[in-house]
Amino acid sequence: MRVRVAKAILGAVLVCAPLALPVYAGVFDDDGARQAIIDLRAKVDANQKEIDQRLDKLEAAQGGQLDLANQIEALRQDMARLRGQIELLTNSVANQEKRERDFYADLDARLRKLEPQQVTIDGKTTFVDVAETRAFDSALALFKNSDFKGAISAFDSFVRQYPNSPYTPGAQYWLGTSYYATRDFKTAIATQQTLVKNWPDSPRAAEALLNIASSQADLGDKKAARKTLDQIIATYPDSEAAGVARERAGTLK
C-alpha cells in the first residue's frame, strides 16, 4: 500500500513539473529559464532516484518479511509434525518397555517355579526340585482319593525316577501302604522291608514296620507279627508307632 501511494505522489510531481515552467519564464530570461528547467529536472531526477531507491528498499523489506513469515509458518508446521512423531515414538517406546518388563517378570516367575524350593519333609527342611514335589503330591493325591492302583503306579514310578529324593522314603512307605489297601499283603511286606533296610533312620521306618506287622497278622502269621511289633518297641521306643505296637502286642498271643 505504501509503495503504491509513493508511486502515485511521484507521478503527480512529474505531471506538475511542466506547469511551473511559465512562472520561471516570466521571472528569468531565456537562458535563465533554460537553466532553471535544467536544475528543476535534475532535482526531479534526483528525487525520483531517491524515491525509487527507497521504494526498492521498502519492497525488498516487505518481500523479505513475507518470505520470513512463510518460512516461520512452514517451520511451525514441521514442528507440529515432529511433536506428533515424537509423541507416537514416546508411546511406542513406553509400550515396548512395558512389554519387556512383563516378559521378564513372567520369565523370572517361570524360572523361579523351576528352581529348587525349600520344603519340610518328615520334620527336615531341605531343597527339592519342583518336578519332584509335583510328582510326589500327585501320587499322594491318588492315594487320598482311594485310587490305590493309580497310587501304586505313581509311587512306583517316583521311587524309580527319584531314588535319592528326600521324598523317596515317604513314597516307599505310601507304596507299601497302597499295596496293603489292595490286600496284596506279601508285596506290602516286601515294599516296607525295603524302606526299613534302606532308610532305617527315617521317621517312616517305624510306621513301615507297623504296616508289616498288620500285613503279617492279616496273612495269619501272628508269630511274625508279634516279632515285628517287638522290633518296633525295641528300635523306636519313643515313636508313636511304638505306642501302637505295645497295644497290639497284647492282642497277639
C-alpha atoms as a PDB file:
ATOM      1  CA  MET A   1       0.000   0.000   0.000  1.00  0.00           C
ATOM      2  CA  ARG A   2       2.765   2.410   0.955  1.00  0.00           C
ATOM      3  CA  VAL A   3       4.585   1.605  -2.276  1.00  0.00           C
ATOM      4  CA  ARG A   4       1.524   2.379  -4.429  1.00  0.00           C
ATOM      5  CA  VAL A   5       0.984   5.725  -2.602  1.00  0.00           C
ATOM      6  CA  ALA A   6       4.600   6.744  -3.115  1.00  0.00           C
ATOM      7  CA  LYS A   7       4.434   5.960  -6.811  1.00  0.00           C
ATOM      8  CA  ALA A   8       1.236   8.000  -7.151  1.00  0.00           C
ATOM      9  CA  ILE A   9       2.923  11.011  -5.495  1.00  0.00           C
ATOM     10  CA  LEU A  10       5.898  10.697  -7.773  1.00  0.00           C
ATOM     11  CA  GLY A  11       3.626  10.654 -10.807  1.00  0.00           C
ATOM     12  CA  ALA A  12       1.846  13.777  -9.648  1.00  0.00           C
ATOM     13  CA  VAL A  13       5.154  15.584  -9.171  1.00  0.00           C
ATOM     14  CA  LEU A  14       6.276  14.721 -12.647  1.00  0.00           C
ATOM     15  CA  VAL A  15       2.991  15.862 -14.176  1.00  0.00           C
ATOM     16  CA  CYS A  16       3.001  19.165 -12.354  1.00  0.00           C
ATOM     17  CA  ALA A  17       6.619  19.963 -13.096  1.00  0.00           C
ATOM     18  CA  PRO A  18       5.999  21.391 -16.651  1.00  0.00           C
ATOM     19  CA  LEU A  19       3.229  23.679 -15.295  1.00  0.00           C
ATOM     20  CA  ALA A  20       5.773  25.544 -13.270  1.00  0.00           C
ATOM     21  CA  LEU A  21       7.831  26.486 -16.296  1.00  0.00           C
ATOM     22  CA  PRO A  22       5.814  29.592 -17.306  1.00  0.00           C
ATOM     23  CA  VAL A  23       6.410  31.057 -13.876  1.00  0.00           C
ATOM     24  CA  TYR A  24      10.139  30.715 -14.274  1.00  0.00           C
ATOM     25  CA  ALA A  25       9.841  32.017 -17.853  1.00  0.00           C
ATOM     26  CA  GLY A  26       8.277  35.213 -16.560  1.00  0.00           C
ATOM     27  CA  VAL A  27      10.986  35.800 -13.977  1.00  0.00           C
ATOM     28  CA  PHE A  28      14.139  34.723 -15.828  1.00  0.00           C
ATOM     29  CA  ASP A  29      15.344  35.355 -19.358  1.00  0.00           C
ATOM     30  CA  ASP A  30      15.620  32.562 -21.826  1.00  0.00           C
ATOM     31  CA  ASP A  31      19.000  31.391 -20.618  1.00  0.00           C
ATOM     32  CA  GLY A  32      17.931  31.669 -17.041  1.00  0.00           C
ATOM     33  CA  ALA A  33      14.699  29.787 -17.791  1.00  0.00           C
ATOM     34  CA  ARG A  34      16.522  27.017 -19.543  1.00  0.00           C
ATOM     35  CA  GLN A  35      18.938  26.757 -16.656  1.00  0.00           C
ATOM     36  CA  ALA A  36      16.085  26.718 -14.177  1.00  0.00           C
ATOM     37  CA  ILE A  37      14.413  23.922 -16.145  1.00  0.00           C
ATOM     38  CA  ILE A  38      17.646  22.005 -16.200  1.00  0.00           C
ATOM     39  CA  ASP A  39      18.089  22.485 -12.454  1.00  0.00           C
ATOM     40  CA  LEU A  40      14.480  21.516 -11.805  1.00  0.00           C
ATOM     41  CA  ARG A  41      14.765  18.408 -13.906  1.00  0.00           C
ATOM     42  CA  ALA A  42      17.978  17.486 -12.109  1.00  0.00           C
ATOM     43  CA  LYS A  43      16.203  17.871  -8.770  1.00  0.00           C
ATOM     44  CA  VAL A  44      13.255  15.835 -10.084  1.00  0.00           C
ATOM     45  CA  ASP A  45      15.588  13.150 -11.334  1.00  0.00           C
ATOM     46  CA  ALA A  46      17.444  13.131  -8.053  1.00  0.00           C
ATOM     47  CA  ASN A  47      14.192  12.942  -6.096  1.00  0.00           C
ATOM     48  CA  GLN A  48      12.895  10.192  -8.362  1.00  0.00           C
ATOM     49  CA  LYS A  49      16.109   8.234  -7.910  1.00  0.00           C
ATOM     50  CA  GLU A  50      15.929   8.619  -4.137  1.00  0.00           C
ATOM     51  CA  ILE A  51      12.267   7.649  -4.126  1.00  0.00           C
ATOM     52  CA  ASP A  52      12.993   4.645  -6.348  1.00  0.00           C
ATOM     53  CA  GLN A  53      15.771   3.606  -4.013  1.00  0.00           C
ATOM     54  CA  ARG A  54      13.520   3.948  -1.011  1.00  0.00           C
ATOM     55  CA  LEU A  55      10.723   2.066  -2.803  1.00  0.00           C
ATOM     56  CA  ASP A  56      13.143  -0.707  -3.743  1.00  0.00           C
ATOM     57  CA  LYS A  57      14.313  -0.982  -0.128  1.00  0.00           C
ATOM     58  CA  LEU A  58      10.723  -0.970   1.083  1.00  0.00           C
ATOM     59  CA  GLU A  59       9.687  -3.631  -1.418  1.00  0.00           C
ATOM     60  CA  ALA A  60      12.729  -5.723  -0.522  1.00  0.00           C
ATOM     61  CA  ALA A  61      11.951  -5.354   3.153  1.00  0.00           C
ATOM     62  CA  GLN A  62       8.308  -6.250   2.605  1.00  0.00           C
ATOM     63  CA  GLY A  63       9.261  -9.181   0.384  1.00  0.00           C
ATOM     64  CA  GLY A  64      11.782 -10.398   2.986  1.00  0.00           C
ATOM     65  CA  GLN A  65       9.213 -10.105   5.721  1.00  0.00           C
ATOM     66  CA  LEU A  66       6.713 -12.087   3.668  1.00  0.00           C
ATOM     67  CA  ASP A  67       9.297 -14.762   2.899  1.00  0.00           C
ATOM     68  CA  LEU A  68      10.311 -14.870   6.567  1.00  0.00           C
ATOM     69  CA  ALA A  69       6.693 -15.202   7.605  1.00  0.00           C
ATOM     70  CA  ASN A  70       6.234 -18.083   5.150  1.00  0.00           C
ATOM     71  CA  GLN A  71       9.360 -19.788   6.479  1.00  0.00           C
ATOM     72  CA  ILE A  72       8.206 -19.343  10.072  1.00  0.00           C
ATOM     73  CA  GLU A  73       4.812 -20.837   9.231  1.00  0.00           C
ATOM     74  CA  ALA A  74       6.484 -23.760   7.460  1.00  0.00           C
ATOM     75  CA  LEU A  75       8.741 -24.300  10.471  1.00  0.00           C
ATOM     76  CA  ARG A  76       5.742 -24.245  12.780  1.00  0.00           C
ATOM     77  CA  GLN A  77       4.044 -26.912  10.683  1.00  0.00           C
ATOM     78  CA  ASP A  78       7.233 -29.008  10.686  1.00  0.00           C
ATOM     79  CA  MET A  79       7.499 -28.626  14.459  1.00  0.00           C
ATOM     80  CA  ALA A  80       3.889 -29.724  14.872  1.00  0.00           C
ATOM     81  CA  ARG A  81       4.557 -32.805  12.768  1.00  0.00           C
ATOM     82  CA  LEU A  82       7.718 -33.543  14.728  1.00  0.00           C
ATOM     83  CA  ARG A  83       5.857 -33.207  18.025  1.00  0.00           C
ATOM     84  CA  GLY A  84       3.285 -35.672  16.755  1.00  0.00           C
ATOM     85  CA  GLN A  85       6.004 -38.100  15.670  1.00  0.00           C
ATOM     86  CA  ILE A  86       7.810 -37.689  18.999  1.00  0.00           C
ATOM     87  CA  GLU A  87       4.591 -38.411  20.884  1.00  0.00           C
ATOM     88  CA  LEU A  88       3.948 -41.522  18.808  1.00  0.00           C
ATOM     89  CA  LEU A  89       7.546 -42.657  19.285  1.00  0.00           C
ATOM     90  CA  THR A  90       7.366 -42.000  23.025  1.00  0.00           C
ATOM     91  CA  ASN A  91       4.176 -44.053  23.335  1.00  0.00           C
ATOM     92  CA  SER A  92       5.721 -46.807  21.244  1.00  0.00           C
ATOM     93  CA  VAL A  93       8.836 -46.909  23.425  1.00  0.00           C
ATOM     94  CA  ALA A  94       6.729 -46.877  26.599  1.00  0.00           C
ATOM     95  CA  ASN A  95       4.608 -49.775  25.311  1.00  0.00           C
ATOM     96  CA  GLN A  96       7.710 -51.695  24.278  1.00  0.00           C
ATOM     97  CA  GLU A  97       9.303 -51.168  27.680  1.00  0.00           C
ATOM     98  CA  LYS A  98       6.117 -52.386  29.378  1.00  0.00           C
ATOM     99  CA  ARG A  99       6.054 -55.486  27.167  1.00  0.00           C
ATOM    100  CA  GLU A 100       9.686 -56.167  28.026  1.00  0.00           C
ATOM    101  CA  ARG A 101       9.060 -55.711  31.756  1.00  0.00           C
ATOM    102  CA  ASP A 102       6.065 -58.032  31.599  1.00  0.00           C
ATOM    103  CA  PHE A 103       8.067 -60.573  29.595  1.00  0.00           C
ATOM    104  CA  TYR A 104      10.988 -60.617  32.021  1.00  0.00           C
ATOM    105  CA  ALA A 105       8.660 -60.687  35.020  1.00  0.00           C
ATOM    106  CA  ASP A 106       6.861 -63.690  33.549  1.00  0.00           C
ATOM    107  CA  LEU A 107      10.172 -65.335  32.651  1.00  0.00           C
ATOM    108  CA  ASP A 108      11.502 -64.741  36.156  1.00  0.00           C
ATOM    109  CA  ALA A 109       8.345 -66.195  37.674  1.00  0.00           C
ATOM    110  CA  ARG A 110       8.639 -69.282  35.480  1.00  0.00           C
ATOM    111  CA  LEU A 111      12.308 -69.732  36.306  1.00  0.00           C
ATOM    112  CA  ARG A 112      11.549 -69.395  39.998  1.00  0.00           C
ATOM    113  CA  LYS A 113       8.992 -72.157  39.657  1.00  0.00           C
ATOM    114  CA  LEU A 114      11.682 -74.376  38.148  1.00  0.00           C
ATOM    115  CA  GLU A 115      14.244 -73.602  40.839  1.00  0.00           C
ATOM    116  CA  PRO A 116      14.592 -75.947  43.843  1.00  0.00           C
ATOM    117  CA  GLN A 117      12.166 -74.957  46.564  1.00  0.00           C
ATOM    118  CA  GLN A 118      12.656 -75.132  50.287  1.00  0.00           C
ATOM    119  CA  VAL A 119      10.328 -77.694  51.838  1.00  0.00           C
ATOM    120  CA  THR A 120       9.989 -79.552  55.122  1.00  0.00           C
ATOM    121  CA  ILE A 121       9.774 -83.337  54.766  1.00  0.00           C
ATOM    122  CA  ASP A 122       9.284 -85.523  57.817  1.00  0.00           C
ATOM    123  CA  GLY A 123      10.496 -82.696  60.060  1.00  0.00           C
ATOM    124  CA  LYS A 124      13.595 -81.878  57.970  1.00  0.00           C
ATOM    125  CA  THR A 125      13.988 -78.746  55.875  1.00  0.00           C
ATOM    126  CA  THR A 126      15.638 -79.207  52.503  1.00  0.00           C
ATOM    127  CA  PHE A 127      15.578 -78.049  48.888  1.00  0.00           C
ATOM    128  CA  VAL A 128      13.710 -80.093  46.310  1.00  0.00           C
ATOM    129  CA  ASP A 129      13.113 -79.665  42.593  1.00  0.00           C
ATOM    130  CA  VAL A 130       9.615 -78.582  41.683  1.00  0.00           C
ATOM    131  CA  ALA A 131       9.169 -81.638  39.459  1.00  0.00           C
ATOM    132  CA  GLU A 132       9.792 -83.975  42.396  1.00  0.00           C
ATOM    133  CA  THR A 133       7.326 -82.153  44.601  1.00  0.00           C
ATOM    134  CA  ARG A 134       4.640 -82.233  41.925  1.00  0.00           C
ATOM    135  CA  ALA A 135       5.195 -85.934  41.222  1.00  0.00           C
ATOM    136  CA  PHE A 136       5.005 -86.861  44.899  1.00  0.00           C
ATOM    137  CA  ASP A 137       1.953 -84.691  45.568  1.00  0.00           C
ATOM    138  CA  SER A 138       0.156 -86.143  42.548  1.00  0.00           C
ATOM    139  CA  ALA A 139       0.787 -89.703  43.714  1.00  0.00           C
ATOM    140  CA  LEU A 140      -0.316 -88.887  47.263  1.00  0.00           C
ATOM    141  CA  ALA A 141      -3.496 -87.265  45.929  1.00  0.00           C
ATOM    142  CA  LEU A 142      -4.366 -90.543  44.183  1.00  0.00           C
ATOM    143  CA  PHE A 143      -3.974 -92.423  47.467  1.00  0.00           C
ATOM    144  CA  LYS A 144      -6.120 -89.920  49.358  1.00  0.00           C
ATOM    145  CA  ASN A 145      -8.815 -90.308  46.689  1.00  0.00           C
ATOM    146  CA  SER A 146      -8.746 -94.101  47.288  1.00  0.00           C
ATOM    147  CA  ASP A 147      -7.298 -94.711  43.823  1.00  0.00           C
ATOM    148  CA  PHE A 148      -4.875 -97.233  45.230  1.00  0.00           C
ATOM    149  CA  LYS A 149      -3.946 -98.858  41.936  1.00  0.00           C
ATOM    150  CA  GLY A 150      -3.211 -95.438  40.478  1.00  0.00           C
ATOM    151  CA  ALA A 151      -1.217 -94.588  43.609  1.00  0.00           C
ATOM    152  CA  ILE A 152       0.818 -97.803  43.288  1.00  0.00           C
ATOM    153  CA  SER A 153       1.762 -96.917  39.729  1.00  0.00           C
ATOM    154  CA  ALA A 154       2.573 -93.301  40.600  1.00  0.00           C
ATOM    155  CA  PHE A 155       4.652 -94.074  43.717  1.00  0.00           C
ATOM    156  CA  ASP A 156       6.499 -96.887  41.960  1.00  0.00           C
ATOM    157  CA  SER A 157       7.401 -94.514  39.128  1.00  0.00           C
ATOM    158  CA  PHE A 158       8.519 -91.923  41.645  1.00  0.00           C
ATOM    159  CA  VAL A 159      10.937 -94.160  43.574  1.00  0.00           C
ATOM    160  CA  ARG A 160      12.417 -95.365  40.291  1.00  0.00           C
ATOM    161  CA  GLN A 161      12.807 -91.865  38.853  1.00  0.00           C
ATOM    162  CA  TYR A 162      13.959 -90.158  42.066  1.00  0.00           C
ATOM    163  CA  PRO A 163      15.828 -92.795  44.119  1.00  0.00           C
ATOM    164  CA  ASN A 164      17.785 -90.124  46.031  1.00  0.00           C
ATOM    165  CA  SER A 165      14.956 -87.675  46.602  1.00  0.00           C
ATOM    166  CA  PRO A 166      14.134 -86.679  50.192  1.00  0.00           C
ATOM    167  CA  TYR A 167      10.575 -87.691  49.273  1.00  0.00           C
ATOM    168  CA  THR A 168      11.608 -91.271  48.413  1.00  0.00           C
ATOM    169  CA  PRO A 169      11.304 -92.822  51.916  1.00  0.00           C
ATOM    170  CA  GLY A 170       7.790 -91.401  52.167  1.00  0.00           C
ATOM    171  CA  ALA A 171       6.972 -92.566  48.630  1.00  0.00           C
ATOM    172  CA  GLN A 172       8.221 -96.055  49.536  1.00  0.00           C
ATOM    173  CA  TYR A 173       6.019 -96.073  52.636  1.00  0.00           C
ATOM    174  CA  TRP A 174       2.914 -94.980  50.756  1.00  0.00           C
ATOM    175  CA  LEU A 175       3.666 -97.507  48.035  1.00  0.00           C
ATOM    176  CA  GLY A 176       3.635-100.306  50.634  1.00  0.00           C
ATOM    177  CA  THR A 177       0.513 -98.864  52.231  1.00  0.00           C
ATOM    178  CA  SER A 178      -1.208 -98.785  48.822  1.00  0.00           C
ATOM    179  CA  TYR A 179      -0.406-102.471  48.348  1.00  0.00           C
ATOM    180  CA  TYR A 180      -1.836-103.143  51.796  1.00  0.00           C
ATOM    181  CA  ALA A 181      -5.003-101.236  50.840  1.00  0.00           C
ATOM    182  CA  THR A 182      -5.428-103.553  47.825  1.00  0.00           C
ATOM    183  CA  ARG A 183      -4.865-106.521  50.209  1.00  0.00           C
ATOM    184  CA  ASP A 184      -1.676-107.507  48.459  1.00  0.00           C
ATOM    185  CA  PHE A 185      -0.077-108.203  51.825  1.00  0.00           C
ATOM    186  CA  LYS A 186       3.030-110.038  50.619  1.00  0.00           C
ATOM    187  CA  THR A 187       4.017-107.226  48.298  1.00  0.00           C
ATOM    188  CA  ALA A 188       3.204-104.724  51.008  1.00  0.00           C
ATOM    189  CA  ILE A 189       5.597-106.526  53.388  1.00  0.00           C
ATOM    190  CA  ALA A 190       8.393-106.630  50.797  1.00  0.00           C
ATOM    191  CA  THR A 191       7.919-102.967  49.951  1.00  0.00           C
ATOM    192  CA  GLN A 192       8.026-101.821  53.573  1.00  0.00           C
ATOM    193  CA  GLN A 193      11.051-104.031  54.308  1.00  0.00           C
ATOM    194  CA  THR A 194      12.911-102.139  51.565  1.00  0.00           C
ATOM    195  CA  LEU A 195      12.158 -98.892  53.366  1.00  0.00           C
ATOM    196  CA  VAL A 196      13.353-100.209  56.734  1.00  0.00           C
ATOM    197  CA  LYS A 197      16.540-101.584  55.169  1.00  0.00           C
ATOM    198  CA  ASN A 198      17.483 -98.532  53.083  1.00  0.00           C
ATOM    199  CA  TRP A 199      16.267 -95.752  55.386  1.00  0.00           C
ATOM    200  CA  PRO A 200      16.331 -97.094  58.965  1.00  0.00           C
ATOM    201  CA  ASP A 201      16.651 -93.570  60.386  1.00  0.00           C
ATOM    202  CA  SER A 202      13.610 -92.275  58.551  1.00  0.00           C
ATOM    203  CA  PRO A 203      10.584 -91.330  60.664  1.00  0.00           C
ATOM    204  CA  ARG A 204       8.640 -93.578  58.298  1.00  0.00           C
ATOM    205  CA  ALA A 205      10.638 -96.687  59.244  1.00  0.00           C
ATOM    206  CA  ALA A 206       8.677 -97.384  62.448  1.00  0.00           C
ATOM    207  CA  GLU A 207       5.384 -96.877  60.597  1.00  0.00           C
ATOM    208  CA  ALA A 208       6.596 -99.234  57.870  1.00  0.00           C
ATOM    209  CA  LEU A 209       7.255-101.935  60.467  1.00  0.00           C
ATOM    210  CA  LEU A 210       3.794-101.392  61.882  1.00  0.00           C
ATOM    211  CA  ASN A 211       2.352-101.885  58.410  1.00  0.00           C
ATOM    212  CA  ILE A 212       4.414-105.066  58.048  1.00  0.00           C
ATOM    213  CA  ALA A 213       3.021-106.388  61.323  1.00  0.00           C
ATOM    214  CA  SER A 214      -0.539-105.660  60.146  1.00  0.00           C
ATOM    215  CA  SER A 215       0.114-107.482  56.856  1.00  0.00           C
ATOM    216  CA  GLN A 216       1.582-110.468  58.700  1.00  0.00           C
ATOM    217  CA  ALA A 217      -1.391-110.593  61.030  1.00  0.00           C
ATOM    218  CA  ASP A 218      -3.823-110.442  58.086  1.00  0.00           C
ATOM    219  CA  LEU A 219      -1.905-113.330  56.494  1.00  0.00           C
ATOM    220  CA  GLY A 220      -2.456-115.312  59.740  1.00  0.00           C
ATOM    221  CA  ASP A 221       1.177-115.258  60.817  1.00  0.00           C
ATOM    222  CA  LYS A 222       0.682-113.893  64.348  1.00  0.00           C
ATOM    223  CA  LYS A 223       4.097-115.042  65.471  1.00  0.00           C
ATOM    224  CA  ALA A 224       5.823-112.980  62.796  1.00  0.00           C
ATOM    225  CA  ALA A 225       3.544-110.051  63.537  1.00  0.00           C
ATOM    226  CA  ARG A 226       4.389-110.197  67.279  1.00  0.00           C
ATOM    227  CA  LYS A 227       8.089-110.292  66.434  1.00  0.00           C
ATOM    228  CA  THR A 228       7.770-107.240  64.224  1.00  0.00           C
ATOM    229  CA  LEU A 229       5.899-105.352  66.957  1.00  0.00           C
ATOM    230  CA  ASP A 230       8.655-106.183  69.425  1.00  0.00           C
ATOM    231  CA  GLN A 231      11.175-104.854  66.884  1.00  0.00           C
ATOM    232  CA  ILE A 232       9.322-101.547  66.741  1.00  0.00           C
ATOM    233  CA  ILE A 233       9.272-101.219  70.527  1.00  0.00           C
ATOM    234  CA  ALA A 234      12.962-102.074  70.817  1.00  0.00           C
ATOM    235  CA  THR A 235      14.254 -99.997  67.894  1.00  0.00           C
ATOM    236  CA  TYR A 236      11.939 -96.991  68.019  1.00  0.00           C
ATOM    237  CA  PRO A 237      10.729 -96.856  71.651  1.00  0.00           C
ATOM    238  CA  ASP A 238       9.796 -93.178  71.582  1.00  0.00           C
ATOM    239  CA  SER A 239       7.831 -93.243  68.332  1.00  0.00           C
ATOM    240  CA  GLU A 240       4.057 -93.159  68.025  1.00  0.00           C
ATOM    241  CA  ALA A 241       4.286 -96.481  66.229  1.00  0.00           C
ATOM    242  CA  ALA A 242       5.876 -97.992  69.358  1.00  0.00           C
ATOM    243  CA  GLY A 243       2.841 -96.964  71.418  1.00  0.00           C
ATOM    244  CA  VAL A 244       0.523 -98.623  68.888  1.00  0.00           C
ATOM    245  CA  ALA A 245       2.810-101.691  68.831  1.00  0.00           C
ATOM    246  CA  ARG A 246       2.509-102.115  72.623  1.00  0.00           C
ATOM    247  CA  GLU A 247      -1.274-102.051  72.382  1.00  0.00           C
ATOM    248  CA  ARG A 248      -1.379-104.554  69.553  1.00  0.00           C
ATOM    249  CA  ALA A 249       1.191-106.855  71.142  1.00  0.00           C
ATOM    250  CA  GLY A 250      -1.235-107.583  73.961  1.00  0.00           C
ATOM    251  CA  THR A 251      -3.826-108.862  71.487  1.00  0.00           C
ATOM    252  CA  LEU A 252      -1.443-111.186  69.654  1.00  0.00           C
ATOM    253  CA  LYS A 253      -0.986-114.330  71.756  1.00  0.00           C
END
